[in-house]
């Protein structure tokens, strides 16, 4: 049963990645609606492009090496091409699923792996804080991008974070990365936080 559950989680994860790839191709976002989006994928573009390029080079090399074994070549080619698609889809998921601030909550996301909704009334403080190292600690969640976070949010009471494999954790401190951390901090500490915000496109 545990194996089936894990398989279902992984299949759902890949399906969400494919949906994100479609949204990216269509230049659409997921879950923003009338809220304000704060992206975090800008710094990922170069390394992800480099990784995708390496995967493409590997695919071409393996095609040449396995040309005399058609059956093996077909299987390896499929896996290599699928790997490239997954790499692109991971980046696409980060682009189309930004953090979202609306009148009631801050939605903290990272691709399809993290999706945490923090009610604004539970935010005790928010500050600009750049970190490149993160140690695991009870009650803390670091939603880093490239091992970096730029904003720290402290809560008056915990919110429940559901991990990739469904484990539930109570967190009172959330650290996250944003391409515009100063703008996010201003938005959370201004009248927008109390619901006086006029939605921006």
C-alpha atoms as a PDB file:
ATOM      1  CA  UNK A   1       0.000   0.000   0.000  1.00  0.00           C
ATOM      2  CA  UNK A   2       2.824   2.374   0.839  1.00  0.00           C
ATOM      3  CA  UNK A   3       4.424   1.716  -2.546  1.00  0.00           C
ATOM      4  CA  UNK A   4       1.140   2.431  -4.321  1.00  0.00           C
ATOM      5  CA  UNK A   5       0.699   5.659  -2.392  1.00  0.00           C
ATOM      6  CA  UNK A   6       4.235   6.767  -3.258  1.00  0.00           C
ATOM      7  CA  UNK A   7       3.637   5.920  -6.898  1.00  0.00           C
ATOM      8  CA  UNK A   8       0.430   7.945  -6.911  1.00  0.00           C
ATOM      9  CA  UNK A   9       2.193  10.940  -5.339  1.00  0.00           C
ATOM     10  CA  UNK A  10       4.968  10.818  -7.942  1.00  0.00           C
ATOM     11  CA  UNK A  11       2.492  10.425 -10.807  1.00  0.00           C
ATOM     12  CA  UNK A  12       0.456  13.387  -9.545  1.00  0.00           C
ATOM     13  CA  UNK A  13       3.665  15.409  -9.215  1.00  0.00           C
ATOM     14  CA  UNK A  14       4.627  14.734 -12.837  1.00  0.00           C
ATOM     15  CA  UNK A  15       1.095  15.526 -14.016  1.00  0.00           C
ATOM     16  CA  UNK A  16       1.263  18.896 -12.265  1.00  0.00           C
ATOM     17  CA  UNK A  17       4.615  19.546 -13.910  1.00  0.00           C
ATOM     18  CA  UNK A  18       3.122  18.835 -17.336  1.00  0.00           C
ATOM     19  CA  UNK A  19       0.191  21.161 -16.608  1.00  0.00           C
ATOM     20  CA  UNK A  20       2.673  23.851 -15.567  1.00  0.00           C
ATOM     21  CA  UNK A  21       4.566  23.357 -18.827  1.00  0.00           C
ATOM     22  CA  UNK A  22       1.332  23.920 -20.742  1.00  0.00           C
ATOM     23  CA  UNK A  23       0.529  27.058 -18.748  1.00  0.00           C
ATOM     24  CA  UNK A  24       4.041  28.377 -19.353  1.00  0.00           C
ATOM     25  CA  UNK A  25       3.716  27.801 -23.090  1.00  0.00           C
ATOM     26  CA  UNK A  26       0.380  29.649 -23.004  1.00  0.00           C
ATOM     27  CA  UNK A  27       1.909  32.484 -20.911  1.00  0.00           C
ATOM     28  CA  UNK A  28      -0.577  31.932 -18.102  1.00  0.00           C
ATOM     29  CA  UNK A  29      -0.195  31.615 -14.346  1.00  0.00           C
ATOM     30  CA  UNK A  30      -1.760  29.319 -11.767  1.00  0.00           C
ATOM     31  CA  UNK A  31      -3.723  30.499  -8.740  1.00  0.00           C
ATOM     32  CA  UNK A  32      -3.041  34.243  -9.009  1.00  0.00           C
ATOM     33  CA  UNK A  33      -6.499  35.520  -9.967  1.00  0.00           C
ATOM     34  CA  UNK A  34      -6.984  38.942  -8.371  1.00  0.00           C
ATOM     35  CA  UNK A  35      -3.950  38.715  -6.108  1.00  0.00           C
ATOM     36  CA  UNK A  36      -0.481  40.142  -6.543  1.00  0.00           C
ATOM     37  CA  UNK A  37       2.159  37.732  -7.838  1.00  0.00           C
ATOM     38  CA  UNK A  38       5.721  37.753  -6.528  1.00  0.00           C
ATOM     39  CA  UNK A  39       8.007  35.608  -8.655  1.00  0.00           C
ATOM     40  CA  UNK A  40      11.063  33.712  -7.464  1.00  0.00           C
ATOM     41  CA  UNK A  41      12.272  31.927 -10.628  1.00  0.00           C
ATOM     42  CA  UNK A  42      14.506  34.626 -12.110  1.00  0.00           C
ATOM     43  CA  UNK A  43      17.682  33.244 -10.578  1.00  0.00           C
ATOM     44  CA  UNK A  44      16.891  29.721 -11.754  1.00  0.00           C
ATOM     45  CA  UNK A  45      16.862  30.477 -15.479  1.00  0.00           C
ATOM     46  CA  UNK A  46      20.636  30.203 -16.082  1.00  0.00           C
ATOM     47  CA  UNK A  47      21.355  27.038 -14.056  1.00  0.00           C
ATOM     48  CA  UNK A  48      18.239  25.266 -15.334  1.00  0.00           C
ATOM     49  CA  UNK A  49      19.122  26.176 -18.924  1.00  0.00           C
ATOM     50  CA  UNK A  50      22.616  24.822 -18.349  1.00  0.00           C
ATOM     51  CA  UNK A  51      21.254  21.603 -16.885  1.00  0.00           C
ATOM     52  CA  UNK A  52      18.844  21.174 -19.792  1.00  0.00           C
ATOM     53  CA  UNK A  53      21.714  21.731 -22.252  1.00  0.00           C
ATOM     54  CA  UNK A  54      23.797  19.044 -20.548  1.00  0.00           C
ATOM     55  CA  UNK A  55      20.837  16.648 -20.781  1.00  0.00           C
ATOM     56  CA  UNK A  56      20.472  17.379 -24.503  1.00  0.00           C
ATOM     57  CA  UNK A  57      24.201  16.753 -25.091  1.00  0.00           C
ATOM     58  CA  UNK A  58      23.918  13.466 -23.197  1.00  0.00           C
ATOM     59  CA  UNK A  59      20.906  12.478 -25.305  1.00  0.00           C
ATOM     60  CA  UNK A  60      22.795  13.083 -28.546  1.00  0.00           C
ATOM     61  CA  UNK A  61      25.879  11.233 -27.282  1.00  0.00           C
ATOM     62  CA  UNK A  62      23.867   8.205 -26.183  1.00  0.00           C
ATOM     63  CA  UNK A  63      22.059   8.149 -29.546  1.00  0.00           C
ATOM     64  CA  UNK A  64      25.407   7.842 -31.301  1.00  0.00           C
ATOM     65  CA  UNK A  65      26.803   5.230 -28.910  1.00  0.00           C
ATOM     66  CA  UNK A  66      23.695   3.035 -29.020  1.00  0.00           C
ATOM     67  CA  UNK A  67      22.983   3.319 -32.731  1.00  0.00           C
ATOM     68  CA  UNK A  68      23.788  -0.400 -33.252  1.00  0.00           C
ATOM     69  CA  UNK A  69      21.269  -1.512 -30.605  1.00  0.00           C
ATOM     70  CA  UNK A  70      17.899  -0.164 -31.830  1.00  0.00           C
ATOM     71  CA  UNK A  71      15.789  -1.493 -28.945  1.00  0.00           C
ATOM     72  CA  UNK A  72      18.114  -0.181 -26.248  1.00  0.00           C
ATOM     73  CA  UNK A  73      18.550   3.057 -28.196  1.00  0.00           C
ATOM     74  CA  UNK A  74      14.783   3.624 -28.322  1.00  0.00           C
ATOM     75  CA  UNK A  75      14.376   3.108 -24.552  1.00  0.00           C
ATOM     76  CA  UNK A  76      17.337   5.317 -23.625  1.00  0.00           C
ATOM     77  CA  UNK A  77      16.269   8.005 -26.099  1.00  0.00           C
ATOM     78  CA  UNK A  78      12.787   8.097 -24.586  1.00  0.00           C
ATOM     79  CA  UNK A  79      14.158   8.360 -21.041  1.00  0.00           C
ATOM     80  CA  UNK A  80      16.656  11.064 -22.013  1.00  0.00           C
ATOM     81  CA  UNK A  81      14.074  13.165 -23.846  1.00  0.00           C
ATOM     82  CA  UNK A  82      11.625  12.753 -20.976  1.00  0.00           C
ATOM     83  CA  UNK A  83      14.362  13.892 -18.598  1.00  0.00           C
ATOM     84  CA  UNK A  84      14.856  17.077 -20.618  1.00  0.00           C
ATOM     85  CA  UNK A  85      11.097  17.708 -20.573  1.00  0.00           C
ATOM     86  CA  UNK A  86      11.019  17.289 -16.778  1.00  0.00           C
ATOM     87  CA  UNK A  87      13.873  19.776 -16.317  1.00  0.00           C
ATOM     88  CA  UNK A  88      12.059  22.377 -18.451  1.00  0.00           C
ATOM     89  CA  UNK A  89       8.781  21.624 -16.668  1.00  0.00           C
ATOM     90  CA  UNK A  90      10.411  22.202 -13.258  1.00  0.00           C
ATOM     91  CA  UNK A  91      11.457  25.673 -14.339  1.00  0.00           C
ATOM     92  CA  UNK A  92       8.041  26.293 -15.911  1.00  0.00           C
ATOM     93  CA  UNK A  93       6.337  25.316 -12.648  1.00  0.00           C
ATOM     94  CA  UNK A  94       8.387  27.901 -10.773  1.00  0.00           C
ATOM     95  CA  UNK A  95       7.408  30.595 -13.271  1.00  0.00           C
ATOM     96  CA  UNK A  96       3.666  29.898 -13.415  1.00  0.00           C
ATOM     97  CA  UNK A  97       3.241  29.259  -9.676  1.00  0.00           C
ATOM     98  CA  UNK A  98       4.593  32.422  -7.984  1.00  0.00           C
ATOM     99  CA  UNK A  99       3.987  33.512  -4.411  1.00  0.00           C
ATOM    100  CA  UNK A 100       0.620  35.264  -4.221  1.00  0.00           C
ATOM    101  CA  UNK A 101      -0.562  38.007  -1.870  1.00  0.00           C
ATOM    102  CA  UNK A 102      -4.269  38.730  -1.688  1.00  0.00           C
ATOM    103  CA  UNK A 103      -6.550  40.436   0.797  1.00  0.00           C
ATOM    104  CA  UNK A 104      -6.660  37.406   3.093  1.00  0.00           C
ATOM    105  CA  UNK A 105      -3.421  35.485   2.862  1.00  0.00           C
ATOM    106  CA  UNK A 106       0.110  35.100   1.602  1.00  0.00           C
ATOM    107  CA  UNK A 107       0.452  31.953  -0.495  1.00  0.00           C
ATOM    108  CA  UNK A 108       4.050  30.722  -0.409  1.00  0.00           C
ATOM    109  CA  UNK A 109       5.010  28.343  -3.212  1.00  0.00           C
ATOM    110  CA  UNK A 110       7.940  26.608  -4.848  1.00  0.00           C
ATOM    111  CA  UNK A 111       7.132  24.947  -8.163  1.00  0.00           C
ATOM    112  CA  UNK A 112       4.684  22.107  -7.390  1.00  0.00           C
ATOM    113  CA  UNK A 113       6.543  21.013  -4.246  1.00  0.00           C
ATOM    114  CA  UNK A 114       5.429  23.639  -1.720  1.00  0.00           C
ATOM    115  CA  UNK A 115       2.090  25.425  -1.409  1.00  0.00           C
ATOM    116  CA  UNK A 116       1.541  27.040   1.987  1.00  0.00           C
ATOM    117  CA  UNK A 117      -1.248  29.514   2.717  1.00  0.00           C
ATOM    118  CA  UNK A 118      -0.530  31.950   5.576  1.00  0.00           C
ATOM    119  CA  UNK A 119      -3.518  34.002   6.780  1.00  0.00           C
ATOM    120  CA  UNK A 120      -2.467  37.641   7.057  1.00  0.00           C
ATOM    121  CA  UNK A 121      -3.857  37.962  10.576  1.00  0.00           C
ATOM    122  CA  UNK A 122      -1.314  35.365  11.749  1.00  0.00           C
ATOM    123  CA  UNK A 123       1.694  37.347  10.529  1.00  0.00           C
ATOM    124  CA  UNK A 124       3.459  38.904  13.507  1.00  0.00           C
ATOM    125  CA  UNK A 125       6.413  40.359  11.603  1.00  0.00           C
ATOM    126  CA  UNK A 126       8.095  40.273   8.218  1.00  0.00           C
ATOM    127  CA  UNK A 127      11.591  41.404   7.365  1.00  0.00           C
ATOM    128  CA  UNK A 128      14.152  41.423   4.593  1.00  0.00           C
ATOM    129  CA  UNK A 129      16.755  38.841   5.558  1.00  0.00           C
ATOM    130  CA  UNK A 130      19.167  37.257   3.091  1.00  0.00           C
ATOM    131  CA  UNK A 131      20.340  33.754   3.963  1.00  0.00           C
ATOM    132  CA  UNK A 132      22.329  31.168   2.028  1.00  0.00           C
ATOM    133  CA  UNK A 133      22.471  28.470   4.705  1.00  0.00           C
ATOM    134  CA  UNK A 134      19.465  26.876   6.362  1.00  0.00           C
ATOM    135  CA  UNK A 135      19.522  24.403   9.216  1.00  0.00           C
ATOM    136  CA  UNK A 136      16.417  22.340   9.858  1.00  0.00           C
ATOM    137  CA  UNK A 137      14.657  23.378  13.044  1.00  0.00           C
ATOM    138  CA  UNK A 138      11.327  22.577  14.643  1.00  0.00           C
ATOM    139  CA  UNK A 139       8.642  25.066  13.711  1.00  0.00           C
ATOM    140  CA  UNK A 140      10.626  26.565  10.822  1.00  0.00           C
ATOM    141  CA  UNK A 141      10.227  26.193   7.064  1.00  0.00           C
ATOM    142  CA  UNK A 142      12.769  27.420   4.515  1.00  0.00           C
ATOM    143  CA  UNK A 143      11.391  27.676   0.980  1.00  0.00           C
ATOM    144  CA  UNK A 144      14.742  28.385  -0.610  1.00  0.00           C
ATOM    145  CA  UNK A 145      15.683  28.805  -4.265  1.00  0.00           C
ATOM    146  CA  UNK A 146      19.262  27.860  -5.013  1.00  0.00           C
ATOM    147  CA  UNK A 147      19.854  27.630  -1.233  1.00  0.00           C
ATOM    148  CA  UNK A 148      18.824  31.287  -0.869  1.00  0.00           C
ATOM    149  CA  UNK A 149      16.020  32.973   1.024  1.00  0.00           C
ATOM    150  CA  UNK A 150      15.435  36.714   1.212  1.00  0.00           C
ATOM    151  CA  UNK A 151      12.350  37.254   3.388  1.00  0.00           C
ATOM    152  CA  UNK A 152      11.547  35.973   6.876  1.00  0.00           C
ATOM    153  CA  UNK A 153       7.950  35.797   8.110  1.00  0.00           C
ATOM    154  CA  UNK A 154       7.217  35.173  11.790  1.00  0.00           C
ATOM    155  CA  UNK A 155       3.722  34.086  12.864  1.00  0.00           C
ATOM    156  CA  UNK A 156       1.611  34.654  15.951  1.00  0.00           C
ATOM    157  CA  UNK A 157       0.412  31.045  15.773  1.00  0.00           C
ATOM    158  CA  UNK A 158       1.490  28.107  13.634  1.00  0.00           C
ATOM    159  CA  UNK A 159       0.158  27.087  10.234  1.00  0.00           C
ATOM    160  CA  UNK A 160       0.205  23.532   8.896  1.00  0.00           C
ATOM    161  CA  UNK A 161       2.655  22.704   6.146  1.00  0.00           C
ATOM    162  CA  UNK A 162       2.060  19.463   4.236  1.00  0.00           C
ATOM    163  CA  UNK A 163       5.302  18.005   2.876  1.00  0.00           C
ATOM    164  CA  UNK A 164       5.763  16.418  -0.541  1.00  0.00           C
ATOM    165  CA  UNK A 165       4.918  12.958   0.808  1.00  0.00           C
ATOM    166  CA  UNK A 166       2.027  14.159   2.964  1.00  0.00           C
ATOM    167  CA  UNK A 167       3.642  14.600   6.366  1.00  0.00           C
ATOM    168  CA  UNK A 168       2.148  17.484   8.346  1.00  0.00           C
ATOM    169  CA  UNK A 169       4.331  20.017  10.163  1.00  0.00           C
ATOM    170  CA  UNK A 170       3.373  22.995  12.278  1.00  0.00           C
ATOM    171  CA  UNK A 171       5.517  26.031  11.435  1.00  0.00           C
ATOM    172  CA  UNK A 172       5.781  29.451  13.036  1.00  0.00           C
ATOM    173  CA  UNK A 173       8.679  30.859  10.989  1.00  0.00           C
ATOM    174  CA  UNK A 174       8.737  30.817   7.190  1.00  0.00           C
ATOM    175  CA  UNK A 175      11.724  31.880   5.119  1.00  0.00           C
ATOM    176  CA  UNK A 176      11.290  32.318   1.382  1.00  0.00           C
ATOM    177  CA  UNK A 177      12.966  33.669  -1.703  1.00  0.00           C
ATOM    178  CA  UNK A 178      11.490  36.335  -4.001  1.00  0.00           C
ATOM    179  CA  UNK A 179      12.843  38.159  -7.032  1.00  0.00           C
ATOM    180  CA  UNK A 180      11.595  41.398  -5.443  1.00  0.00           C
ATOM    181  CA  UNK A 181      11.962  40.826  -1.697  1.00  0.00           C
ATOM    182  CA  UNK A 182      11.714  44.518  -0.836  1.00  0.00           C
ATOM    183  CA  UNK A 183       8.447  44.804  -2.747  1.00  0.00           C
ATOM    184  CA  UNK A 184       7.029  41.774  -0.948  1.00  0.00           C
ATOM    185  CA  UNK A 185       8.023  43.139   2.461  1.00  0.00           C
ATOM    186  CA  UNK A 186       6.488  46.535   1.626  1.00  0.00           C
ATOM    187  CA  UNK A 187       3.270  44.872   0.475  1.00  0.00           C
ATOM    188  CA  UNK A 188       3.004  42.837   3.664  1.00  0.00           C
ATOM    189  CA  UNK A 189       3.721  45.770   5.974  1.00  0.00           C
ATOM    190  CA  UNK A 190       1.589  48.362   4.175  1.00  0.00           C
ATOM    191  CA  UNK A 191      -2.154  48.855   4.094  1.00  0.00           C
ATOM    192  CA  UNK A 192      -2.326  45.901   1.700  1.00  0.00           C
ATOM    193  CA  UNK A 193      -1.820  43.563   4.649  1.00  0.00           C
ATOM    194  CA  UNK A 194      -4.959  44.749   6.410  1.00  0.00           C
ATOM    195  CA  UNK A 195      -7.078  44.247   3.313  1.00  0.00           C
ATOM    196  CA  UNK A 196      -7.025  47.856   2.132  1.00  0.00           C
ATOM    197  CA  UNK A 197      -5.267  46.762  -1.048  1.00  0.00           C
ATOM    198  CA  UNK A 198      -6.551  47.435  -4.509  1.00  0.00           C
ATOM    199  CA  UNK A 199      -5.777  44.364  -6.593  1.00  0.00           C
ATOM    200  CA  UNK A 200      -3.097  44.829  -9.211  1.00  0.00           C
ATOM    201  CA  UNK A 201      -2.998  42.891 -12.447  1.00  0.00           C
END
